[in-house]
Protein backbone atom coordinates (compact mmCIF):
# COMPACT_ATOMS: atom_id res chain seq x y z
CA MET A 1 -2.59 17.11 17.86
CA ARG A 2 -2.24 14.68 20.19
CA GLU A 3 -4.98 16.06 21.74
CA GLY A 4 -7.36 15.54 18.86
CA ALA A 5 -6.52 11.83 18.88
CA ALA A 6 -6.63 11.35 22.97
CA GLY A 7 -9.33 8.80 23.42
CA ALA A 8 -10.39 8.83 19.78
CA ASN A 9 -10.85 5.57 17.66
CA LEU A 10 -8.57 4.70 14.60
CA VAL A 11 -9.77 3.55 11.29
CA ILE A 12 -7.13 2.48 8.52
CA VAL A 13 -8.63 2.09 5.06
CA LEU A 14 -6.34 0.58 2.47
CA LEU A 15 -7.18 0.68 -1.30
CA ASP A 16 -5.45 -2.15 -3.08
CA ALA A 17 -3.37 -1.14 -5.72
CA ALA A 18 -4.31 2.41 -5.71
CA SER A 19 -1.76 4.91 -7.52
CA ALA A 20 -1.72 8.52 -5.68
CA HIS A 21 -2.01 10.03 -8.91
CA HIS A 22 -5.47 8.67 -9.64
CA LEU A 23 -7.07 10.43 -6.94
CA GLY A 24 -8.14 14.08 -7.07
CA CYS A 25 -6.63 15.13 -3.65
CA TYR A 26 -3.31 14.25 -5.74
CA GLY A 27 -4.24 16.26 -8.99
CA TYR A 28 -5.90 13.86 -11.06
CA ASP A 29 -8.10 15.66 -13.59
CA ARG A 30 -10.99 13.04 -13.15
CA ASP A 31 -13.46 13.14 -10.45
CA THR A 32 -12.56 9.71 -9.05
CA THR A 33 -12.60 10.41 -5.39
CA PRO A 34 -14.91 13.18 -4.33
CA HIS A 35 -15.67 11.63 -0.71
CA LEU A 36 -12.12 10.80 -0.04
CA ASP A 37 -11.02 14.66 -1.42
CA ARG A 38 -13.57 15.89 1.05
CA VAL A 39 -11.48 14.09 3.71
CA ALA A 40 -8.30 14.86 2.35
CA ALA A 41 -9.27 18.79 2.50
CA GLU A 42 -9.12 18.42 6.32
CA SER A 43 -6.49 15.86 6.54
CA VAL A 44 -2.65 15.89 6.32
CA VAL A 45 -1.68 14.75 2.87
CA PHE A 46 1.48 13.21 2.30
CA ASP A 47 2.53 14.18 -1.32
CA ARG A 48 5.43 11.76 -1.58
CA ALA A 49 4.57 8.59 0.34
CA TYR A 50 6.17 5.47 -0.86
CA ALA A 51 5.63 1.78 -0.10
CA GLN A 52 8.32 -0.54 0.59
CA ALA A 53 7.38 -3.11 -1.96
CA SER A 54 5.46 -3.08 -5.24
CA GLY A 55 3.22 -5.71 -4.38
CA THR A 56 0.78 -7.02 -1.26
CA MET A 57 2.56 -9.45 0.37
CA LEU A 58 5.90 -7.78 1.31
CA SER A 59 4.50 -4.29 1.32
CA VAL A 60 2.07 -5.68 4.42
CA PHE A 61 4.63 -7.22 5.78
CA SER A 62 6.77 -4.26 5.99
CA TYR A 63 4.17 -1.46 6.98
CA PHE A 64 2.58 -4.14 9.71
CA THR A 65 6.26 -4.38 11.32
CA SER A 66 7.87 -1.35 10.33
CA ARG A 67 10.82 -3.46 8.92
CA TYR A 68 11.96 -3.38 5.26
CA PRO A 69 11.70 -6.15 3.25
CA VAL A 70 15.07 -7.23 2.59
CA PHE A 71 15.54 -11.11 2.96
CA ASP A 72 18.51 -13.58 2.17
CA THR A 73 17.43 -14.01 -1.29
CA LYS A 74 19.32 -17.42 -1.45
CA SER A 75 16.36 -19.00 0.97
CA TYR A 76 13.44 -17.08 -0.50
CA LYS A 77 12.44 -18.57 -3.64
CA PRO A 78 9.78 -15.93 -4.56
CA TRP A 79 7.18 -18.25 -6.63
CA ARG A 80 7.47 -20.95 -4.04
CA GLN A 81 7.30 -19.38 -0.91
CA VAL A 82 5.16 -17.08 1.17
CA LYS A 83 6.58 -14.48 3.90
CA THR A 84 5.19 -14.73 7.18
CA ILE A 85 5.00 -12.45 10.50
CA PRO A 86 7.21 -14.36 13.13
CA ASP A 87 5.85 -14.55 16.55
CA ASP A 88 8.29 -12.33 18.13
CA LEU A 89 7.75 -9.53 15.54
CA PRO A 90 4.94 -7.39 16.75
CA THR A 91 2.30 -6.33 14.34
CA LEU A 92 0.56 -2.75 14.12
CA ALA A 93 -2.63 -4.19 16.01
CA GLU A 94 -0.18 -5.69 18.72
CA HIS A 95 1.68 -2.60 19.31
CA LEU A 96 -1.94 -0.28 19.24
CA ALA A 97 -3.82 -3.12 21.24
CA PRO A 98 -3.51 -1.59 24.79
CA ASP A 99 -5.20 1.70 23.22
CA PHE A 100 -8.41 -0.13 21.97
CA GLU A 101 -10.48 -2.45 23.43
CA TYR A 102 -12.42 -3.50 20.27
CA ARG A 103 -9.96 -4.24 17.29
CA LEU A 104 -11.30 -5.04 13.96
CA GLY A 105 -9.42 -6.30 10.96
CA TYR A 106 -10.75 -7.25 7.63
CA THR A 107 -9.23 -8.29 4.08
CA SER A 108 -10.32 -9.31 0.76
CA ASN A 109 -6.82 -10.01 -0.56
CA VAL A 110 -5.87 -13.79 0.39
CA TRP A 111 -2.09 -12.73 0.74
CA MET A 112 -3.23 -11.53 4.15
CA LYS A 113 -4.33 -14.52 6.26
CA ARG A 114 -4.26 -15.90 9.65
CA ALA A 115 -1.76 -18.26 8.52
CA LEU A 116 0.64 -15.42 7.84
CA GLY A 117 0.18 -13.94 11.15
CA HIS A 118 -1.85 -11.06 9.79
CA ASP A 119 -4.63 -11.49 12.37
CA ARG A 120 -2.67 -11.14 15.17
CA GLY A 121 -3.61 -8.24 17.65
CA PHE A 122 -7.26 -7.94 16.38
CA THR A 123 -10.09 -8.98 18.76
CA GLU A 124 -11.84 -10.07 15.30
CA TYR A 125 -10.52 -10.85 11.81
CA TRP A 126 -12.81 -10.87 8.86
CA GLU A 127 -11.20 -12.86 5.75
CA LEU A 128 -13.71 -12.35 2.81
CA TRP A 129 -12.99 -15.79 1.50
CA ASP A 130 -13.72 -17.34 4.92
CA PRO A 131 -16.04 -15.40 6.97
CA PRO A 132 -17.55 -15.73 10.22
CA ALA A 133 -20.33 -17.94 10.12
CA ALA A 134 -22.48 -15.40 11.63
CA LEU A 135 -21.56 -12.87 8.42
CA ALA A 136 -21.22 -15.65 6.02
CA GLY A 137 -24.78 -14.17 4.02
CA ASP A 138 -23.63 -10.87 3.97
CA LEU A 139 -19.70 -10.96 3.70
CA VAL A 140 -19.46 -11.61 0.23
CA ASP A 141 -17.91 -8.51 -1.09
CA ASP A 142 -16.01 -5.38 -0.32
CA ALA A 143 -19.47 -3.60 -0.37
CA GLY A 144 -20.86 -5.85 2.40
CA ALA A 145 -17.91 -5.69 4.49
CA VAL A 146 -17.70 -1.82 4.51
CA ALA A 147 -21.61 -1.76 5.40
CA LEU A 148 -21.01 -4.40 8.13
CA ALA A 149 -18.03 -2.86 9.39
CA THR A 150 -19.87 0.57 9.61
CA GLY A 151 -22.37 -1.52 11.73
CA TRP A 152 -19.78 -2.73 13.72
CA MET A 153 -18.15 0.71 14.52
CA ARG A 154 -21.51 2.39 15.27
CA ASP A 155 -22.17 -0.33 17.70
CA ARG A 156 -19.13 0.16 19.73
CA GLY A 157 -20.43 2.81 21.83
CA ASP A 158 -17.91 5.20 23.69
CA GLU A 159 -15.45 2.66 23.75
CA PRO A 160 -12.20 3.33 21.54
CA PHE A 161 -11.93 0.96 18.66
CA LEU A 162 -9.37 0.20 15.69
CA VAL A 163 -10.56 -0.85 12.42
CA TYR A 164 -8.11 -1.84 9.53
CA LEU A 165 -10.10 -2.29 6.50
CA HIS A 166 -8.12 -3.69 3.37
CA LEU A 167 -10.28 -3.42 0.18
CA MET A 168 -9.36 -4.93 -2.96
CA LYS A 169 -10.32 -2.20 -5.20
CA PRO A 170 -9.14 -0.55 -7.91
CA HIS A 171 -7.01 -3.65 -8.18
CA ALA A 172 -7.93 -5.83 -11.09
CA PRO A 173 -10.16 -7.25 -12.33
CA TYR A 174 -11.82 -3.80 -13.42
CA ASP A 175 -15.34 -5.01 -12.87
CA PRO A 176 -17.23 -2.20 -11.09
CA PRO A 177 -21.13 -2.02 -11.39
CA GLU A 178 -22.82 0.71 -13.14
CA PRO A 179 -23.25 3.66 -12.99
CA PHE A 180 -19.31 3.48 -12.50
CA PHE A 181 -18.24 0.92 -15.27
CA SER A 182 -19.34 3.34 -18.04
CA ARG A 183 -18.44 6.70 -16.34
CA TRP A 184 -15.31 7.48 -18.35
CA ALA A 185 -16.01 5.30 -21.40
CA THR A 186 -15.76 7.21 -24.49
CA ARG A 187 -16.92 3.93 -26.50
CA GLU A 188 -18.98 0.82 -25.52
CA ILE A 189 -16.29 -0.97 -23.65
CA ASP A 190 -15.76 -4.64 -23.73
CA PRO A 191 -16.42 -6.03 -20.39
CA GLU A 192 -13.65 -8.73 -21.12
CA VAL A 193 -10.93 -6.00 -21.15
CA GLY A 194 -11.12 -5.38 -17.69
CA THR A 195 -10.60 -9.35 -16.58
CA HIS A 196 -7.59 -11.11 -15.61
CA ASP A 197 -7.92 -13.54 -18.72
CA TYR A 198 -7.67 -10.82 -21.14
CA ILE A 199 -5.12 -8.86 -19.12
CA GLN A 200 -2.68 -12.03 -18.95
CA GLY A 201 -3.40 -12.97 -22.47
CA LEU A 202 -1.67 -9.96 -23.55
CA LYS A 203 1.57 -11.74 -22.06
CA GLY A 204 3.31 -8.18 -21.39
CA LYS A 205 2.47 -6.55 -24.90
CA ARG A 206 0.67 -3.24 -24.87
CA PRO A 207 -2.81 -3.26 -26.53
CA ASP A 208 -3.70 -0.53 -28.94
CA ASP A 209 -4.22 3.21 -27.64
CA ALA A 210 -8.07 2.84 -27.67
CA THR A 211 -7.83 -0.45 -25.42
CA VAL A 212 -5.47 1.24 -22.99
CA ARG A 213 -7.83 4.38 -22.67
CA ASP A 214 -10.54 1.59 -21.76
CA MET A 215 -8.08 0.11 -19.21
CA VAL A 216 -7.84 3.08 -17.62
CA ALA A 217 -11.09 4.31 -17.58
CA LEU A 218 -12.14 0.65 -16.04
CA TYR A 219 -9.28 1.22 -13.29
CA ASP A 220 -10.63 4.83 -12.44
CA ALA A 221 -14.16 3.40 -12.27
CA ASN A 222 -13.11 0.81 -9.64
CA LEU A 223 -11.52 3.48 -7.72
CA ALA A 224 -14.64 5.50 -8.16
CA HIS A 225 -16.73 2.75 -7.03
CA ALA A 226 -14.48 2.57 -3.73
CA ASP A 227 -14.72 5.94 -3.00
CA HIS A 228 -18.66 5.80 -3.03
CA LEU A 229 -18.55 3.00 -0.43
CA LEU A 230 -16.18 4.91 1.85
CA GLY A 231 -18.37 7.86 1.22
CA GLU A 232 -21.44 5.66 2.72
CA MET A 233 -19.31 4.56 5.33
CA ILE A 234 -18.12 8.03 6.33
CA ALA A 235 -21.69 9.38 6.22
CA GLY A 236 -23.04 6.78 8.44
CA LEU A 237 -20.29 7.65 11.10
CA GLU A 238 -21.03 11.20 11.10
CA GLU A 239 -24.85 10.45 11.37
CA ALA A 240 -23.96 8.56 14.59
CA GLY A 241 -21.46 10.88 15.81
CA VAL A 242 -18.60 8.58 15.72
CA TRP A 243 -16.74 10.41 12.79
CA GLU A 244 -15.97 13.67 14.91
CA ARG A 245 -13.95 11.30 17.41
CA THR A 246 -12.21 9.16 14.75
CA VAL A 247 -8.59 9.57 13.45
CA PHE A 248 -8.58 8.33 9.91
CA VAL A 249 -5.80 6.85 7.85
CA LEU A 250 -6.42 6.01 4.03
CA MET A 251 -3.37 4.45 2.24
CA ALA A 252 -2.37 1.96 -0.60
CA ASP A 253 -0.05 -1.09 -0.42
CA HIS A 254 1.37 -0.35 -3.65
CA GLY A 255 0.27 1.38 -6.85
CA GLN A 256 -0.38 0.45 -10.37
CA GLY A 257 1.34 0.54 -13.87
CA LEU A 258 -1.27 1.49 -16.38
CA TYR A 259 1.09 1.72 -19.46
CA GLU A 260 2.08 5.29 -18.59
CA GLN A 261 4.83 6.74 -20.47
CA GLY A 262 5.56 3.34 -22.08
CA LYS A 263 5.77 1.15 -18.85
CA ALA A 264 4.06 -1.82 -18.18
CA HIS A 265 0.65 -2.55 -17.05
CA GLY A 266 0.37 -4.29 -13.10
CA HIS A 267 2.96 -4.11 -10.42
CA GLY A 268 4.75 -6.39 -8.18
CA GLY A 269 7.92 -6.96 -10.77
CA THR A 270 8.62 -3.52 -11.36
CA ILE A 271 9.66 -0.72 -9.27
CA CYS A 272 8.64 2.21 -11.06
CA GLU A 273 7.34 5.44 -9.60
CA SER A 274 3.58 4.73 -10.52
CA THR A 275 3.88 1.13 -8.54
CA ILE A 276 5.59 2.35 -5.40
CA ARG A 277 4.28 6.04 -4.87
CA VAL A 278 1.11 5.71 -2.99
CA PRO A 279 -1.63 7.86 -1.25
CA LEU A 280 -1.23 8.44 2.37
CA VAL A 281 -3.95 10.88 3.95
CA VAL A 282 -4.16 11.03 7.73
CA ARG A 283 -7.21 13.00 9.64
CA ILE A 284 -6.93 13.89 13.35
CA PRO A 285 -9.71 15.73 14.66
CA GLY A 286 -8.90 19.44 15.46
CA VAL A 287 -5.76 19.14 13.13
CA PRO A 288 -6.32 21.73 10.20
CA GLY A 289 -5.61 20.30 6.62
CA GLN A 290 -2.38 20.63 5.16
CA ARG A 291 0.23 19.02 2.61
CA VAL A 292 3.61 17.53 3.36
CA ALA A 293 6.06 17.52 0.75
CA THR A 294 8.82 15.65 2.53
CA PRO A 295 9.18 12.40 1.43
CA VAL A 296 7.84 9.58 3.63
CA GLU A 297 7.60 5.78 3.95
CA LEU A 298 4.85 3.24 4.66
CA VAL A 299 7.38 1.95 7.57
CA ASP A 300 6.68 5.18 9.58
CA LEU A 301 2.96 4.32 9.91
CA VAL A 302 3.68 2.25 13.11
CA PRO A 303 5.96 4.58 14.97
CA THR A 304 3.56 7.57 13.76
CA LEU A 305 0.31 5.77 15.45
CA LEU A 306 2.39 4.94 18.65
CA ASP A 307 3.88 8.58 18.84
CA LEU A 308 0.23 10.07 18.33
CA ALA A 309 -0.91 7.67 21.21
CA VAL A 310 1.71 9.06 23.68
CA ARG A 311 3.23 5.72 23.46
CA PRO A 312 7.21 5.10 23.73
CA VAL A 313 8.24 4.63 20.08
CA PRO A 314 11.02 1.69 19.96
CA ALA A 315 13.49 3.13 17.58
CA ASP A 316 15.98 0.22 17.90
CA SER A 317 13.56 -2.49 16.47
CA LEU A 318 11.37 0.03 14.28
CA ALA A 319 12.75 0.94 10.67
CA GLY A 320 10.57 4.02 10.35
CA ARG A 321 10.32 7.22 12.17
CA SER A 322 7.39 9.20 13.64
CA LEU A 323 5.91 11.58 11.14
CA LEU A 324 4.51 13.83 13.86
CA PRO A 325 7.25 16.26 13.64
CA LEU A 326 6.36 16.94 9.90
CA LEU A 327 2.93 17.76 11.50
CA ALA A 328 4.11 20.34 13.80
CA GLY A 329 6.09 21.94 11.00
CA THR A 330 9.73 20.55 12.42
CA PRO A 331 11.69 18.94 9.63
CA PHE A 332 13.65 16.03 9.74
CA PRO A 333 17.41 16.30 10.19
CA ASP A 334 17.86 15.05 6.68
CA GLY A 335 14.96 16.98 5.04
CA ASP A 336 13.87 16.09 1.75
CA LEU A 337 17.10 13.91 1.23
CA ARG A 338 15.81 10.83 3.34
CA LEU A 339 16.97 7.59 1.63
CA ILE A 340 13.70 6.10 0.64
CA HIS A 341 13.59 2.36 0.06
CA SER A 342 11.45 -0.15 -2.01
CA ARG A 343 11.65 -3.53 -3.77
CA THR A 344 9.90 -5.71 -6.07
CA ASN A 345 7.25 -8.05 -4.77
CA ARG A 346 7.90 -11.56 -6.16
CA ARG A 347 10.39 -11.26 -9.13
CA ASN A 348 13.64 -13.10 -9.16
CA PRO A 349 16.10 -11.90 -8.77
CA PRO A 350 14.54 -8.91 -6.98
CA ILE A 351 15.11 -5.42 -8.01
CA TYR A 352 15.81 -2.66 -5.10
CA SER A 353 15.26 0.75 -5.03
CA MET A 354 16.76 3.72 -3.32
CA SER A 355 16.28 7.47 -3.78
CA ARG A 356 17.38 10.72 -2.39
CA GLY A 357 16.02 13.82 -3.38
CA ARG A 358 15.64 13.98 -7.11
CA PHE A 359 17.77 10.86 -7.70
CA LYS A 360 16.72 7.15 -8.14
CA LEU A 361 18.79 4.02 -8.02
CA THR A 362 17.85 0.74 -8.63
CA THR A 363 19.81 -2.17 -8.25
CA THR A 364 19.69 -5.95 -9.34
CA VAL A 365 21.47 -8.72 -7.61
CA GLU A 366 21.51 -11.84 -9.45
CA GLU A 367 22.55 -14.46 -6.87
CA ARG A 368 22.89 -17.54 -9.41
CA ARG A 369 25.81 -18.09 -11.13
CA SER A 370 28.33 -14.73 -11.18
CA ARG A 371 26.19 -12.87 -8.63
CA ARG A 372 26.29 -9.81 -11.46
CA VAL A 373 24.95 -6.56 -10.02
CA ARG A 374 23.36 -3.90 -12.24
CA HIS A 375 22.80 -0.72 -11.05
CA VAL A 376 20.92 2.17 -12.60
CA LEU A 377 20.34 5.91 -11.88
CA TYR A 378 17.46 8.14 -12.77
CA ASP A 379 16.75 11.77 -12.62
CA LEU A 380 13.26 11.84 -11.59
CA ALA A 381 13.01 15.68 -11.90
CA ALA A 382 14.38 15.73 -15.39
CA ASP A 383 13.25 12.21 -16.40
CA PRO A 384 9.87 11.26 -14.79
CA ALA A 385 9.59 8.54 -17.14
CA GLU A 386 12.62 6.62 -16.01
CA THR A 387 13.99 6.37 -19.29
CA VAL A 388 17.57 7.74 -19.27
CA ASN A 389 20.07 5.61 -17.23
CA LEU A 390 22.89 8.38 -16.15
CA PHE A 391 25.46 5.86 -15.25
CA ARG A 392 26.17 5.14 -19.06
CA ALA A 393 27.01 8.79 -19.93
CA GLN A 394 28.36 9.40 -16.13
CA PRO A 395 29.49 6.16 -14.40
CA ASP A 396 30.96 8.22 -11.73
CA HIS A 397 28.06 10.45 -11.04
CA ALA A 398 28.54 11.75 -7.66
CA GLU A 399 25.08 11.50 -6.31
CA GLY A 400 24.54 7.97 -7.92
CA GLN A 401 27.73 6.74 -6.45
CA GLY A 402 26.77 7.91 -3.08
CA LEU A 403 23.25 5.82 -3.56
CA VAL A 404 25.49 2.77 -4.49
CA THR A 405 27.40 2.97 -1.25
CA ALA A 406 24.17 3.40 0.82
CA MET A 407 22.55 0.54 -1.03
CA LYS A 408 25.37 -1.99 -0.28
CA ALA A 409 25.08 -1.24 3.35
CA TRP A 410 21.40 -1.09 3.62
CA LEU A 411 21.17 -4.64 1.86
CA ALA A 412 24.31 -5.65 3.90
CA GLY A 413 22.27 -4.93 7.13
CA GLY A 414 19.34 -6.80 6.30
CA GLY A 415 17.00 -3.64 5.84
CA ALA A 416 16.47 -2.95 9.61
CA GLU A 417 16.45 -6.61 10.58
CA GLY A 418 14.07 -7.40 7.82
CA SER A 419 15.86 -10.74 7.17
CA THR A 420 14.01 -11.95 10.65
CA ALA A 421 10.83 -12.75 8.53
CA GLY A 422 9.92 -16.24 8.22
CA GLY A 423 8.46 -18.43 5.50
CA VAL A 424 6.29 -20.99 4.53
CA ASP A 425 5.83 -23.21 1.22
CA PHE A 426 3.06 -21.81 -1.08
CA GLU A 427 1.19 -24.94 0.06
CA VAL A 428 -0.29 -22.76 3.09
CA PHE A 429 -2.97 -21.53 0.49
CA ASP A 430 -5.59 -24.30 0.12
CA SER A 431 -7.86 -24.94 -3.05
CA GLU A 432 -10.34 -22.39 -2.46
CA GLU A 433 -7.57 -19.60 -1.78
CA VAL A 434 -5.71 -20.86 -4.94
CA LYS A 435 -8.86 -20.47 -6.86
CA ARG A 436 -9.21 -16.94 -5.36
CA LEU A 437 -5.31 -16.11 -6.31
CA LYS A 438 -5.88 -17.09 -9.58
CA SER A 439 -9.35 -14.96 -10.02
CA LEU A 440 -7.02 -11.87 -8.94
CA GLY A 441 -4.35 -12.93 -11.72
CA TYR A 442 -1.81 -13.87 -9.17
CA VAL A 443 -1.47 -17.74 -10.25
CA ASN A 444 -1.93 -19.03 -13.66
C-alpha cells in the first residue's frame, strides 16, 4: 500500500458534525452521499471510528497532535478559556511538511484559527471569515472554497501537495440551497426550523415528531449538499489527472445528536455514540476497497499518515497508533478489545468515556465541592440507546470495574500528555469572530 502512496498527493476532507450512520456507505437508507459512497467503494472504510471529543475545539486539538484531550480541569474553565496547540507540540501539517512542498489548509469553523496554532505547518491557510485579499471576492462560503481549492490543486503540477479542507456542513444551521432543502421533505418545511434561533429556543426540549423529522431531513440535506460539492471537486481532479495520484481521507470531527432514541439534539455536551462515532474513509491508489471492523480513534490519523509515508512514527509522544497493519490484515495485539477514549467538549464538569468491546464506561468528575465521581456502564450490544446503567444492578460488574481501573489510570496519566495543551482567554476571538460563533449557535 505504501507503493500507492509514494509521491502521491494527500487530501483530507472533514465534514463538521457528520454522524457516520447518516452516510450511505455506513448503511443509511437515504441517498445522502452518492459521490462519497463511490469513493468509499474503492477505499478502506473504518466501521467503528471514534472522535476523542464530541465538539470541534478539543477534537481538532486531538487529531492534529495525536494527543488525548485530557487537561487539568482546575485550570480549564470551558466557557472562558480556549485550548491552543503549544509551539513545541507538532501539528499534523508540521509532521508531514517534509513530504509536501505545497500545503493548503482551509477552515470555515472559527474554532480553528491561526491564533490557536492550527495554521502551523501549512504554506497557505484560508480562514473563511478572514480570507486572503486575493480571494476575498470568491472565498465567501464552503462552495467557493471547494472550487478554489480544486483549482489550486489542479495548478500544482507534479509537485505533491497536502490539502486539509474543514467544511462546516452538515453542522447547523440546516440551510442548504434547493434542490437539497426539499429533497426529503414530507411536507412544506418552515425554514426557521433549521436555524440556531429556533434550535436554541427549544432550550433542550424535544419538539413534536413531525418537526424532528423535518430537522433530520434538513440535516441530511446539508450532508447531501456537501457531498455534491465534493463530487464536483473529485470530478475536477479526475479530469486533470490529479485524482489517480491522490490519497484521500474523509472524516468528521464529531457526530450530531438528532433526538435518536430519546437523546438530545446537538453535540459537545454529550458523549452518546451518535456524537462520537464518525466516518473515517481512506482511499490509497491501488489499494482495493475493504471494511475494517476493529475500533479505531482519530488520534491514529497522524501516525498512520507518517507510517504510510515511510517516516518514523514517534511512538513515545503520540497517543495513536498506525492503522497500516489493519489495512494489511494484521490485527492489533489487543484486537477488538482496544480501549477507546473520548470526552465532552465544553461541558463543566466534563464527561469522559472509555469503551472496550461491547462495554462503555462514562465518568463524570466533579472538581468542585466533594470531587464526587460518577461512573455509568452501558452494554452497547444489548442497549445501543445507552439507557441502562449496569452498575445499578451489578455494582461489581467485572468488565465495568476493569474499565473503572483503566479510566482512573488514564486520567491520572494525563491522557498521553494531553495536559501539555495551552490555553488562552475567550477574548482571542474578535467581534466578527464572536458574531460568527453566535451564527453557528456556540455563543448566546
